[in-house]
Amino acid sequence: MLKPGDGKTALVTGASSGIGYELAKCFARDGYNLVLVARSRDDLQKIAAQLTSEHGVSAKVIAKDLSVPTSPQEIFDEVQAEGIAIDIMVNNAGFGTYGTFSETNLRDELEMMQVNMVSPTHLTKLFLPGMIARGHGRIMNVSSMGAFQPGPLVAVYCATKNYILSFSEALAEELSGTGVTVTALCPGPVRTGFAKRARTERTKAMIRGLFNRIWEPEDVAAVGYHGLMKGKTIVIPGKRYIIAAFLVRCLPRKMTRRAARMMMEES
């Protein structure tokens, strides 16, 4: 029996762990061939072997660090050289930093801006024309609940995710009628390696989560995958989070800033 993805290819960045890895599994189960991008070649090769063995798909590995400005073009060139048409692109790679802006490390934040904002924009610029020319395609940009309000103590991170949300919404409207859809996935706290790298493990948000729940990456990926395939522009896992995203746009900004800081303070 044919599967939805038979003969099609999905590219996933940040595919070596967390939400990216779980999304790659979703695509493989539906028969999509894969282009897996992350920094660690060894981790990607193990995942590629696993998904190829379990689902019979092909999986190409591209080891690139998206904090390096030339990486998006190098990824595109390698895919083009092998004649692979990308039907779905998932810009998932990203990381955060924690602390007051006056004390955080500038180099970390510049690299974060490159990974979280510039590289997804660059990759989209490169792969989108082919999707439009073929008359079909899907793009998912992984944002965050942090995109809906300012984020004291994670100021630059939330700003990058706000950019991704705004960029995705605008692009979705521009592409209306082309056969190409754009989806922004906006999860709350998720149990991945993100908190350890961002040094947010001791914050109230990561200890008890928003609404006393920390999501598992496979659950976020399942919700995101379903929304992507339905062509939704914004996907927020969890009904309470959907309500929260609506409320923060209605409440006074001063109130949302204070509430966000309380959640990001260490417990």
Protein backbone atom coordinates (compact mmCIF):
# COMPACT_ATOMS: atom_id res chain seq x y z
CA MET A 1 0.00 0.00 0.00
CA LEU A 2 1.21 3.47 -0.82
CA LYS A 3 1.88 5.81 2.08
CA PRO A 4 1.37 9.63 1.99
CA GLY A 5 5.07 10.30 1.71
CA ASP A 6 6.00 7.69 -0.91
CA GLY A 7 8.38 9.34 -3.36
CA LYS A 8 8.55 12.57 -1.34
CA THR A 9 11.32 13.96 0.86
CA ALA A 10 11.31 15.88 4.13
CA LEU A 11 14.29 17.87 5.41
CA VAL A 12 14.54 18.26 9.19
CA THR A 13 17.10 20.42 11.00
CA GLY A 14 18.01 19.66 14.59
CA ALA A 15 17.10 16.05 13.81
CA SER A 16 19.50 14.35 16.23
CA SER A 17 17.31 14.72 19.34
CA GLY A 18 14.14 16.12 20.89
CA ILE A 19 11.29 17.40 18.74
CA GLY A 20 13.34 17.17 15.53
CA TYR A 21 14.07 13.48 16.05
CA GLU A 22 10.43 12.74 16.86
CA LEU A 23 9.26 14.62 13.77
CA ALA A 24 11.71 12.63 11.64
CA LYS A 25 10.11 9.45 13.01
CA CYS A 26 6.64 10.77 12.07
CA PHE A 27 7.75 11.42 8.50
CA ALA A 28 9.47 8.03 8.20
CA ARG A 29 6.36 6.20 9.44
CA ASP A 30 4.39 7.85 6.64
CA GLY A 31 6.94 6.84 4.03
CA TYR A 32 8.82 10.10 3.54
CA ASN A 33 12.48 9.91 2.58
CA LEU A 34 14.59 12.11 4.82
CA VAL A 35 17.38 14.64 4.80
CA LEU A 36 18.57 14.86 8.40
CA VAL A 37 20.57 17.91 9.50
CA ALA A 38 22.38 18.46 12.81
CA ARG A 39 25.89 19.05 14.13
CA SER A 40 26.69 15.45 15.10
CA ARG A 41 27.31 13.14 12.14
CA ASP A 42 27.55 10.06 14.38
CA ASP A 43 24.16 10.69 15.99
CA LEU A 44 22.54 11.36 12.63
CA GLN A 45 23.97 8.20 11.09
CA LYS A 46 22.55 6.08 13.91
CA ILE A 47 19.13 7.68 13.48
CA ALA A 48 19.28 7.31 9.70
CA ALA A 49 20.13 3.61 10.05
CA GLN A 50 17.29 3.12 12.53
CA LEU A 51 14.64 4.82 10.41
CA THR A 52 15.82 3.14 7.22
CA SER A 53 15.67 -0.27 8.88
CA GLU A 54 12.28 0.26 10.53
CA HIS A 55 10.42 2.01 7.72
CA GLY A 56 12.28 1.29 4.48
CA VAL A 57 12.86 4.95 3.66
CA SER A 58 16.10 6.52 2.51
CA ALA A 59 17.81 8.95 4.88
CA LYS A 60 20.58 11.31 3.85
CA VAL A 61 22.77 12.77 6.59
CA ILE A 62 24.17 16.32 6.44
CA ALA A 63 26.31 17.33 9.41
CA LYS A 64 26.26 21.13 9.62
CA ASP A 65 26.37 23.70 12.39
CA LEU A 66 23.66 26.27 11.65
CA SER A 67 25.42 28.89 13.77
CA VAL A 68 27.88 29.11 10.85
CA PRO A 69 26.45 31.61 8.30
CA THR A 70 27.54 29.56 5.26
CA SER A 71 25.77 26.35 6.40
CA PRO A 72 22.34 26.96 4.78
CA GLN A 73 23.87 27.48 1.34
CA GLU A 74 26.09 24.41 1.80
CA ILE A 75 23.05 22.31 2.76
CA PHE A 76 21.13 23.54 -0.27
CA ASP A 77 24.06 22.92 -2.62
CA GLU A 78 24.52 19.36 -1.34
CA VAL A 79 20.84 18.55 -1.76
CA GLN A 80 20.78 20.07 -5.24
CA ALA A 81 23.90 18.18 -6.29
CA GLU A 82 22.13 14.90 -5.54
CA GLY A 83 18.97 15.93 -7.36
CA ILE A 84 16.75 15.73 -4.27
CA ALA A 85 13.53 17.75 -4.35
CA ILE A 86 12.50 18.87 -0.86
CA ASP A 87 8.73 18.59 -0.43
CA ILE A 88 8.65 19.41 3.29
CA MET A 89 11.15 21.48 5.27
CA VAL A 90 11.21 21.63 9.06
CA ASN A 91 13.29 24.41 10.62
CA ASN A 92 13.57 22.91 14.08
CA ALA A 93 17.17 23.57 15.16
CA GLY A 94 17.43 26.13 17.94
CA PHE A 95 18.70 26.85 21.43
CA GLY A 96 18.28 29.37 24.23
CA THR A 97 20.30 31.34 26.77
CA TYR A 98 19.32 32.37 30.29
CA GLY A 99 20.05 35.39 32.47
CA THR A 100 19.75 39.15 32.57
CA PHE A 101 20.76 40.66 29.25
CA SER A 102 23.43 42.89 30.80
CA GLU A 103 25.25 39.76 32.03
CA THR A 104 24.68 37.14 29.32
CA ASN A 105 27.34 36.22 26.78
CA LEU A 106 27.13 38.21 23.53
CA ARG A 107 28.74 35.50 21.41
CA ASP A 108 26.17 32.94 22.61
CA GLU A 109 23.35 35.31 21.74
CA LEU A 110 24.70 36.13 18.28
CA GLU A 111 25.03 32.41 17.55
CA MET A 112 21.50 31.86 18.86
CA MET A 113 20.15 34.57 16.57
CA GLN A 114 21.93 32.90 13.65
CA VAL A 115 20.51 29.45 14.47
CA ASN A 116 17.02 30.51 15.55
CA MET A 117 16.33 33.27 13.01
CA VAL A 118 18.86 33.78 10.24
CA SER A 119 19.42 30.16 9.18
CA PRO A 120 15.69 29.29 8.99
CA THR A 121 15.13 32.44 6.92
CA HIS A 122 18.08 31.59 4.67
CA LEU A 123 16.98 27.96 4.18
CA THR A 124 13.44 29.06 3.41
CA LYS A 125 14.71 31.55 0.84
CA LEU A 126 16.68 28.77 -0.88
CA PHE A 127 14.13 25.94 -0.86
CA LEU A 128 10.86 27.85 -1.25
CA PRO A 129 11.18 28.75 -4.98
CA GLY A 130 11.37 25.06 -5.90
CA MET A 131 8.22 24.32 -3.90
CA ILE A 132 6.35 27.15 -5.59
CA ALA A 133 7.52 25.99 -9.03
CA ARG A 134 6.27 22.44 -8.32
CA GLY A 135 2.97 23.75 -6.96
CA HIS A 136 3.20 21.99 -3.61
CA GLY A 137 5.22 22.01 -0.41
CA ARG A 138 5.07 22.43 3.34
CA ILE A 139 7.30 24.39 5.70
CA MET A 140 7.29 24.09 9.47
CA ASN A 141 9.14 26.61 11.63
CA VAL A 142 9.44 25.62 15.28
CA SER A 143 8.69 28.65 17.43
CA SER A 144 7.59 28.69 21.09
CA MET A 145 4.93 29.88 23.51
CA GLY A 146 7.62 32.44 24.34
CA ALA A 147 6.83 34.07 20.98
CA PHE A 148 3.59 35.53 22.29
CA GLN A 149 5.06 37.84 24.95
CA PRO A 150 8.36 39.41 26.01
CA GLY A 151 10.61 37.03 27.95
CA PRO A 152 12.50 38.62 30.84
CA LEU A 153 15.61 36.51 31.65
CA VAL A 154 15.32 34.89 28.21
CA ALA A 155 14.97 38.17 26.34
CA VAL A 156 16.84 37.38 23.14
CA TYR A 157 15.49 33.83 22.89
CA CYS A 158 11.86 34.97 23.06
CA ALA A 159 12.62 37.73 20.57
CA THR A 160 13.97 35.17 18.10
CA LYS A 161 10.86 33.03 18.50
CA ASN A 162 8.62 36.07 18.05
CA TYR A 163 10.42 36.70 14.78
CA ILE A 164 9.84 33.12 13.65
CA LEU A 165 6.13 33.33 14.47
CA SER A 166 5.69 36.66 12.67
CA PHE A 167 7.75 35.49 9.68
CA SER A 168 5.72 32.27 9.40
CA GLU A 169 2.35 34.02 9.58
CA ALA A 170 3.33 36.60 6.97
CA LEU A 171 4.79 33.99 4.64
CA ALA A 172 1.69 31.79 4.99
CA GLU A 173 -0.46 34.67 3.78
CA GLU A 174 1.89 35.50 0.89
CA LEU A 175 1.79 31.88 -0.27
CA SER A 176 -1.99 31.53 -0.20
CA GLY A 177 -3.10 29.80 -3.40
CA THR A 178 0.37 28.54 -4.37
CA GLY A 179 0.01 25.04 -2.95
CA VAL A 180 2.70 25.76 -0.34
CA THR A 181 1.77 26.08 3.34
CA VAL A 182 3.72 27.44 6.29
CA THR A 183 3.18 26.28 9.87
CA ALA A 184 4.57 27.72 13.09
CA LEU A 185 4.72 25.16 15.90
CA CYS A 186 4.55 26.90 19.30
CA PRO A 187 5.03 24.47 22.21
CA GLY A 188 5.34 25.29 25.89
CA PRO A 189 7.97 23.62 28.10
CA VAL A 190 9.14 20.32 26.59
CA ARG A 191 11.26 17.59 28.18
CA THR A 192 14.32 17.78 25.92
CA GLY A 193 17.97 18.76 26.22
CA PHE A 194 17.00 22.39 25.56
CA ALA A 195 16.75 23.37 29.24
CA LYS A 196 20.17 21.97 30.09
CA ARG A 197 21.89 23.89 27.30
CA ALA A 198 19.92 27.08 28.06
CA ARG A 199 20.56 26.66 31.81
CA THR A 200 16.84 27.00 32.56
CA GLU A 201 16.52 23.68 34.42
CA ARG A 202 15.89 25.40 37.77
CA THR A 203 13.27 27.85 36.55
CA LYS A 204 9.66 27.51 37.66
CA ALA A 205 8.60 26.96 34.04
CA MET A 206 10.84 23.91 33.67
CA ILE A 207 10.32 22.45 37.14
CA ARG A 208 6.55 22.36 37.09
CA GLY A 209 5.73 23.58 33.59
CA LEU A 210 2.95 25.90 32.60
CA PHE A 211 -0.38 24.61 33.94
CA ASN A 212 1.61 21.93 35.82
CA ARG A 213 2.57 20.06 32.67
CA ILE A 214 5.83 19.57 30.83
CA TRP A 215 5.23 18.02 27.41
CA GLU A 216 7.12 15.04 26.02
CA PRO A 217 8.79 15.65 22.63
CA GLU A 218 6.93 12.80 20.94
CA ASP A 219 3.59 14.36 21.94
CA VAL A 220 4.59 17.79 20.64
CA ALA A 221 5.82 16.23 17.40
CA ALA A 222 2.56 14.31 16.92
CA VAL A 223 0.46 17.47 17.35
CA GLY A 224 2.80 19.48 15.14
CA TYR A 225 2.86 16.84 12.41
CA HIS A 226 -0.93 16.64 12.33
CA GLY A 227 -1.22 20.43 12.10
CA LEU A 228 1.43 20.62 9.39
CA MET A 229 -0.36 18.04 7.25
CA LYS A 230 -3.64 19.93 7.65
CA GLY A 231 -1.95 23.14 6.52
CA LYS A 232 -2.54 25.04 9.77
CA THR A 233 -0.63 28.29 10.15
CA ILE A 234 -0.22 28.20 13.94
CA VAL A 235 -0.13 25.00 15.97
CA ILE A 236 -0.12 25.21 19.77
CA PRO A 237 -0.09 21.86 21.59
CA GLY A 238 -2.62 21.84 24.45
CA LYS A 239 -5.97 23.60 24.81
CA ARG A 240 -4.82 25.54 27.88
CA TYR A 241 -1.84 26.85 25.96
CA ILE A 242 -4.12 27.96 23.13
CA ILE A 243 -6.19 29.94 25.63
CA ALA A 244 -3.01 31.39 27.20
CA ALA A 245 -1.74 32.54 23.79
CA PHE A 246 -5.04 34.33 23.21
CA LEU A 247 -5.10 35.93 26.66
CA VAL A 248 -1.57 37.36 26.50
CA ARG A 249 -2.60 39.28 23.41
CA CYS A 250 -5.55 40.80 25.30
CA LEU A 251 -4.03 41.50 28.71
CA PRO A 252 -1.98 44.64 29.49
CA ARG A 253 1.63 44.21 28.40
CA LYS A 254 2.90 45.15 31.84
CA MET A 255 0.97 42.24 33.32
CA THR A 256 2.26 39.72 30.78
CA ARG A 257 5.86 40.86 31.26
CA ARG A 258 5.62 40.37 35.03
CA ALA A 259 3.94 36.98 34.69
CA ALA A 260 6.60 35.84 32.22
CA ARG A 261 9.39 36.90 34.58
CA MET A 262 7.80 35.03 37.49
CA MET A 263 7.75 31.82 35.43
CA MET A 264 11.37 32.24 34.36
CA GLU A 265 12.76 32.95 37.83
CA GLU A 266 14.59 30.13 39.53
CA SER A 267 12.51 28.14 41.97
